[in-house]
Structure formats: C-alpha cells, structure tokens
Amino acid sequence: MDKDERRAQIAERILEDRYARYVLFPSELFDEYAWNMLLVLFVAKQRGHVLSESGLIAGVNVGTREGQRWLYQLAKDGQIKPRSIRQDVVLTSAAIEKLRKYLDATDVH
C-alpha cells in the first residue's frame, strides 16, 4: 500500500469518527466544515475522484450558503485552487503537503 492510500484511510477513519459524533451530539458543538472538506477532498483525490462544489457541500452535511462561505475561505487561505462557482473543487499542492504531514503524524488505526 502506498503512503497516500494509507493517509486516505486515516482521513476516512477521522471522518467516520466525526460523523458518528454528530449522531450523538448537536453538530453546533463540533462544526468544522472546512476541516471536513479538506479531508474529503484528500480522500477523493486519492480515489481518483473530482468533487463538484455541490457534491462536496452535500458530502460534509452543510447547507449550500454556509458551504460556499467555507469554500471561499479555503480558497482565500490557499487551501483550494481559486475557481468560479459550480466548478470542481481541487486542493492546492500546499494543502496536499500539509494534509500528508498531518495524517502521517496522526495516530488513528
């Protein structure tokens, strides 16, 4: 298994844990939609999938307007590539490297 595949599996476990938490606790306590978006995009990239704006927003269970605001912030911060509304959402190279470092340091099994 290559390193990015292992990292994607770690990211999936993190997301599964977060989504399980939402079942038990109100989501307002744990809103980190931008972080979820980054993890979902990393997994999608490893799986060879490209996500649309609407697909990503639906995938992290956030409303359209709030999801678009987070996407704007992620682009402004250099985590996703600048794009027009309704274009596919893609991580920047810098964001991919940061996620790799984070996932390598994360102890999730």
N, C-alpha and C. Protein backbone atom coordinates (compact mmCIF):
# COMPACT_ATOMS: atom_id res chain seq x y z
N MET A 1 0.86 -1.17 0.00
CA MET A 1 0.00 0.00 0.00
C MET A 1 0.90 1.24 0.00
N ASP A 2 0.60 2.19 -0.88
CA ASP A 2 1.43 3.39 -0.91
C ASP A 2 1.02 4.35 0.21
N LYS A 3 1.88 5.32 0.44
CA LYS A 3 1.68 6.22 1.58
C LYS A 3 0.39 7.03 1.46
N ASP A 4 0.06 7.52 0.25
CA ASP A 4 -1.16 8.31 0.11
C ASP A 4 -2.41 7.47 0.33
N GLU A 5 -2.36 6.19 -0.03
CA GLU A 5 -3.51 5.31 0.24
C GLU A 5 -3.68 5.14 1.75
N ARG A 6 -2.58 4.93 2.46
CA ARG A 6 -2.65 4.81 3.92
C ARG A 6 -3.19 6.10 4.53
N ARG A 7 -2.72 7.23 4.02
CA ARG A 7 -3.18 8.53 4.52
C ARG A 7 -4.68 8.70 4.26
N ALA A 8 -5.13 8.28 3.09
CA ALA A 8 -6.56 8.39 2.76
C ALA A 8 -7.39 7.53 3.71
N GLN A 9 -6.89 6.35 4.06
CA GLN A 9 -7.60 5.50 5.01
C GLN A 9 -7.67 6.16 6.39
N ILE A 10 -6.61 6.81 6.79
CA ILE A 10 -6.61 7.54 8.07
C ILE A 10 -7.64 8.67 8.01
N ALA A 11 -7.64 9.41 6.91
CA ALA A 11 -8.60 10.51 6.75
C ALA A 11 -10.03 9.99 6.81
N GLU A 12 -10.28 8.85 6.18
CA GLU A 12 -11.61 8.26 6.22
C GLU A 12 -12.01 7.89 7.64
N ARG A 13 -11.07 7.34 8.41
CA ARG A 13 -11.38 6.99 9.80
C ARG A 13 -11.69 8.23 10.63
N ILE A 14 -10.94 9.29 10.39
CA ILE A 14 -11.21 10.55 11.10
C ILE A 14 -12.61 11.04 10.77
N LEU A 15 -12.96 11.01 9.48
CA LEU A 15 -14.30 11.46 9.07
C LEU A 15 -15.39 10.57 9.66
N GLU A 16 -15.18 9.26 9.64
CA GLU A 16 -16.17 8.34 10.21
C GLU A 16 -16.39 8.64 11.69
N ASP A 17 -15.31 8.88 12.40
CA ASP A 17 -15.40 9.21 13.83
C ASP A 17 -16.17 10.51 14.03
N ARG A 18 -15.88 11.50 13.21
CA ARG A 18 -16.55 12.79 13.33
C ARG A 18 -18.04 12.65 13.04
N TYR A 19 -18.39 11.89 11.99
CA TYR A 19 -19.80 11.72 11.64
C TYR A 19 -20.54 10.93 12.71
N ALA A 20 -19.88 9.95 13.33
CA ALA A 20 -20.50 9.21 14.42
C ALA A 20 -20.78 10.14 15.61
N ARG A 21 -19.90 11.07 15.82
CA ARG A 21 -20.07 12.04 16.91
C ARG A 21 -21.30 12.91 16.66
N TYR A 22 -21.54 13.26 15.39
CA TYR A 22 -22.70 14.10 15.06
C TYR A 22 -24.02 13.42 15.41
N VAL A 23 -24.04 12.09 15.39
CA VAL A 23 -25.26 11.36 15.74
C VAL A 23 -25.59 11.55 17.22
N LEU A 24 -24.57 11.65 18.04
CA LEU A 24 -24.77 11.72 19.49
C LEU A 24 -24.85 13.14 20.04
N PHE A 25 -24.17 14.06 19.39
CA PHE A 25 -24.10 15.43 19.89
C PHE A 25 -24.56 16.40 18.82
N PRO A 26 -25.17 17.51 19.21
CA PRO A 26 -25.57 18.51 18.22
C PRO A 26 -24.37 18.97 17.41
N SER A 27 -24.56 19.11 16.12
CA SER A 27 -23.44 19.49 15.25
C SER A 27 -22.88 20.86 15.58
N GLU A 28 -23.68 21.72 16.19
CA GLU A 28 -23.19 23.06 16.54
C GLU A 28 -21.99 23.00 17.48
N LEU A 29 -21.89 21.92 18.23
CA LEU A 29 -20.77 21.77 19.15
C LEU A 29 -19.46 21.46 18.43
N PHE A 30 -19.56 20.87 17.26
CA PHE A 30 -18.37 20.38 16.58
C PHE A 30 -18.28 20.84 15.12
N ASP A 31 -18.78 21.99 14.81
CA ASP A 31 -18.74 22.47 13.42
C ASP A 31 -17.32 22.75 12.99
N GLU A 32 -16.82 21.95 12.11
CA GLU A 32 -15.52 22.16 11.48
C GLU A 32 -15.66 21.75 10.02
N TYR A 33 -16.59 22.41 9.35
CA TYR A 33 -16.88 22.02 7.97
C TYR A 33 -15.68 22.18 7.06
N ALA A 34 -14.89 23.22 7.26
CA ALA A 34 -13.72 23.43 6.40
C ALA A 34 -12.75 22.26 6.55
N TRP A 35 -12.53 21.81 7.77
CA TRP A 35 -11.63 20.68 8.00
C TRP A 35 -12.19 19.42 7.35
N ASN A 36 -13.48 19.18 7.52
CA ASN A 36 -14.10 18.02 6.87
C ASN A 36 -13.93 18.10 5.35
N MET A 37 -14.11 19.30 4.79
CA MET A 37 -13.95 19.48 3.35
C MET A 37 -12.53 19.11 2.91
N LEU A 38 -11.54 19.54 3.66
CA LEU A 38 -10.16 19.22 3.30
C LEU A 38 -9.92 17.71 3.32
N LEU A 39 -10.43 17.04 4.35
CA LEU A 39 -10.26 15.59 4.44
C LEU A 39 -10.99 14.88 3.32
N VAL A 40 -12.22 15.29 3.04
CA VAL A 40 -13.00 14.67 1.95
C VAL A 40 -12.29 14.87 0.62
N LEU A 41 -11.77 16.06 0.38
CA LEU A 41 -11.05 16.33 -0.87
C LEU A 41 -9.78 15.48 -0.98
N PHE A 42 -9.08 15.29 0.12
CA PHE A 42 -7.88 14.46 0.09
C PHE A 42 -8.23 13.01 -0.27
N VAL A 43 -9.25 12.47 0.37
CA VAL A 43 -9.68 11.10 0.07
C VAL A 43 -10.13 10.99 -1.38
N ALA A 44 -10.90 11.95 -1.84
CA ALA A 44 -11.39 11.93 -3.23
C ALA A 44 -10.22 11.94 -4.21
N LYS A 45 -9.23 12.76 -3.95
CA LYS A 45 -8.06 12.83 -4.83
C LYS A 45 -7.37 11.47 -4.89
N GLN A 46 -7.19 10.84 -3.75
CA GLN A 46 -6.53 9.54 -3.72
C GLN A 46 -7.35 8.48 -4.46
N ARG A 47 -8.65 8.60 -4.42
CA ARG A 47 -9.53 7.63 -5.09
C ARG A 47 -9.73 7.95 -6.57
N GLY A 48 -9.14 9.05 -7.03
CA GLY A 48 -9.27 9.43 -8.43
C GLY A 48 -10.58 10.13 -8.76
N HIS A 49 -11.23 10.68 -7.75
CA HIS A 49 -12.50 11.38 -7.94
C HIS A 49 -12.28 12.89 -7.87
N VAL A 50 -13.07 13.60 -8.62
CA VAL A 50 -13.08 15.06 -8.55
C VAL A 50 -14.46 15.45 -8.06
N LEU A 51 -14.51 16.34 -7.08
CA LEU A 51 -15.79 16.72 -6.49
C LEU A 51 -16.26 18.08 -6.98
N SER A 52 -17.53 18.15 -7.29
CA SER A 52 -18.15 19.43 -7.61
C SER A 52 -18.39 20.18 -6.31
N GLU A 53 -18.65 21.46 -6.45
CA GLU A 53 -18.98 22.26 -5.27
C GLU A 53 -20.17 21.66 -4.53
N SER A 54 -21.24 21.36 -5.27
CA SER A 54 -22.45 20.84 -4.62
C SER A 54 -22.20 19.46 -4.02
N GLY A 55 -21.41 18.63 -4.68
CA GLY A 55 -21.10 17.31 -4.15
C GLY A 55 -20.30 17.38 -2.87
N LEU A 56 -19.34 18.29 -2.82
CA LEU A 56 -18.53 18.45 -1.62
C LEU A 56 -19.37 18.98 -0.47
N ILE A 57 -20.17 19.98 -0.75
CA ILE A 57 -21.02 20.58 0.29
C ILE A 57 -21.99 19.53 0.85
N ALA A 58 -22.60 18.75 -0.02
CA ALA A 58 -23.51 17.70 0.43
C ALA A 58 -22.75 16.64 1.22
N GLY A 59 -21.52 16.36 0.81
CA GLY A 59 -20.71 15.33 1.45
C GLY A 59 -20.29 15.64 2.87
N VAL A 60 -20.32 16.92 3.23
CA VAL A 60 -19.96 17.29 4.60
C VAL A 60 -21.17 17.76 5.40
N ASN A 61 -22.36 17.55 4.82
CA ASN A 61 -23.62 17.83 5.52
C ASN A 61 -23.75 19.26 6.01
N VAL A 62 -23.49 20.20 5.12
CA VAL A 62 -23.63 21.61 5.46
C VAL A 62 -24.56 22.23 4.42
N GLY A 63 -25.24 23.29 4.81
CA GLY A 63 -26.11 23.99 3.88
C GLY A 63 -25.31 24.65 2.77
N THR A 64 -25.97 24.93 1.66
CA THR A 64 -25.30 25.48 0.49
C THR A 64 -24.61 26.80 0.78
N ARG A 65 -25.32 27.74 1.37
CA ARG A 65 -24.71 29.05 1.62
C ARG A 65 -23.52 28.96 2.56
N GLU A 66 -23.69 28.21 3.64
CA GLU A 66 -22.58 28.07 4.59
C GLU A 66 -21.41 27.34 3.94
N GLY A 67 -21.71 26.31 3.17
CA GLY A 67 -20.66 25.59 2.46
C GLY A 67 -19.91 26.48 1.49
N GLN A 68 -20.63 27.33 0.77
CA GLN A 68 -19.97 28.26 -0.15
C GLN A 68 -19.10 29.26 0.59
N ARG A 69 -19.54 29.69 1.75
CA ARG A 69 -18.70 30.59 2.55
C ARG A 69 -17.40 29.90 2.97
N TRP A 70 -17.50 28.64 3.37
CA TRP A 70 -16.30 27.91 3.75
C TRP A 70 -15.39 27.70 2.55
N LEU A 71 -15.95 27.43 1.40
CA LEU A 71 -15.13 27.27 0.20
C LEU A 71 -14.42 28.57 -0.15
N TYR A 72 -15.11 29.68 0.01
CA TYR A 72 -14.48 30.98 -0.22
C TYR A 72 -13.29 31.16 0.71
N GLN A 73 -13.48 30.82 1.99
CA GLN A 73 -12.40 30.97 2.97
C GLN A 73 -11.23 30.03 2.66
N LEU A 74 -11.53 28.81 2.26
CA LEU A 74 -10.47 27.87 1.91
C LEU A 74 -9.67 28.35 0.71
N ALA A 75 -10.35 28.95 -0.27
CA ALA A 75 -9.65 29.50 -1.43
C ALA A 75 -8.82 30.71 -1.03
N LYS A 76 -9.39 31.56 -0.22
CA LYS A 76 -8.70 32.76 0.25
C LYS A 76 -7.44 32.38 1.04
N ASP A 77 -7.51 31.29 1.78
CA ASP A 77 -6.39 30.82 2.59
C ASP A 77 -5.39 29.98 1.79
N GLY A 78 -5.70 29.73 0.53
CA GLY A 78 -4.78 28.96 -0.32
C GLY A 78 -4.86 27.46 -0.15
N GLN A 79 -5.95 26.97 0.42
CA GLN A 79 -6.10 25.52 0.62
C GLN A 79 -6.73 24.83 -0.59
N ILE A 80 -7.60 25.54 -1.31
CA ILE A 80 -8.16 25.02 -2.55
C ILE A 80 -7.84 26.00 -3.67
N LYS A 81 -7.83 25.48 -4.88
CA LYS A 81 -7.50 26.33 -6.02
C LYS A 81 -8.64 27.30 -6.29
N PRO A 82 -8.31 28.54 -6.65
CA PRO A 82 -9.36 29.51 -7.00
C PRO A 82 -10.21 28.95 -8.14
N ARG A 83 -11.48 29.24 -8.11
CA ARG A 83 -12.39 28.72 -9.13
C ARG A 83 -13.63 29.57 -9.19
N SER A 84 -14.40 29.37 -10.22
CA SER A 84 -15.70 30.01 -10.33
C SER A 84 -16.73 29.12 -9.64
N ILE A 85 -17.84 29.73 -9.24
CA ILE A 85 -18.91 28.95 -8.62
C ILE A 85 -19.33 27.85 -9.59
N ARG A 86 -19.60 26.69 -9.04
CA ARG A 86 -20.02 25.49 -9.74
C ARG A 86 -18.87 24.73 -10.42
N GLN A 87 -17.66 25.22 -10.33
CA GLN A 87 -16.53 24.46 -10.85
C GLN A 87 -16.11 23.42 -9.82
N ASP A 88 -15.37 22.41 -10.28
CA ASP A 88 -14.88 21.38 -9.37
C ASP A 88 -13.95 21.99 -8.33
N VAL A 89 -13.91 21.37 -7.18
CA VAL A 89 -13.09 21.86 -6.07
C VAL A 89 -11.84 20.98 -5.99
N VAL A 90 -10.67 21.64 -5.98
CA VAL A 90 -9.40 20.92 -6.01
C VAL A 90 -8.46 21.50 -4.95
N LEU A 91 -7.81 20.63 -4.20
CA LEU A 91 -6.82 21.07 -3.22
C LEU A 91 -5.60 21.66 -3.92
N THR A 92 -4.96 22.61 -3.27
CA THR A 92 -3.69 23.13 -3.78
C THR A 92 -2.59 22.14 -3.40
N SER A 93 -1.46 22.25 -4.06
CA SER A 93 -0.31 21.40 -3.73
C SER A 93 0.13 21.62 -2.29
N ALA A 94 0.10 22.87 -1.85
CA ALA A 94 0.50 23.19 -0.48
C ALA A 94 -0.44 22.51 0.52
N ALA A 95 -1.74 22.53 0.25
CA ALA A 95 -2.70 21.89 1.16
C ALA A 95 -2.48 20.38 1.19
N ILE A 96 -2.19 19.79 0.04
CA ILE A 96 -1.94 18.34 -0.01
C ILE A 96 -0.74 17.99 0.86
N GLU A 97 0.31 18.77 0.75
CA GLU A 97 1.52 18.50 1.56
C GLU A 97 1.23 18.66 3.05
N LYS A 98 0.47 19.68 3.42
CA LYS A 98 0.13 19.87 4.83
C LYS A 98 -0.72 18.71 5.35
N LEU A 99 -1.68 18.28 4.54
CA LEU A 99 -2.51 17.15 4.94
C LEU A 99 -1.68 15.88 5.08
N ARG A 100 -0.74 15.67 4.17
CA ARG A 100 0.14 14.50 4.28
C ARG A 100 0.90 14.53 5.61
N LYS A 101 1.46 15.68 5.94
CA LYS A 101 2.20 15.80 7.20
C LYS A 101 1.30 15.53 8.40
N TYR A 102 0.10 16.11 8.37
CA TYR A 102 -0.84 15.90 9.48
C TYR A 102 -1.21 14.43 9.59
N LEU A 103 -1.58 13.82 8.48
CA LEU A 103 -2.03 12.43 8.51
C LEU A 103 -0.90 11.48 8.89
N ASP A 104 0.32 11.80 8.51
CA ASP A 104 1.47 10.98 8.92
C ASP A 104 1.68 11.05 10.43
N ALA A 105 1.37 12.18 11.02
CA ALA A 105 1.58 12.37 12.46
C ALA A 105 0.39 11.91 13.29
N THR A 106 -0.72 11.59 12.64
CA THR A 106 -1.94 11.21 13.34
C THR A 106 -1.92 9.73 13.67
N ASP A 107 -2.25 9.40 14.88
CA ASP A 107 -2.25 8.01 15.33
C ASP A 107 -3.68 7.48 15.35
N VAL A 108 -4.19 7.18 14.18
CA VAL A 108 -5.55 6.64 14.05
C VAL A 108 -5.43 5.28 13.38
N HIS A 109 -5.99 4.27 14.02
CA HIS A 109 -5.89 2.91 13.46
C HIS A 109 -7.26 2.32 13.31
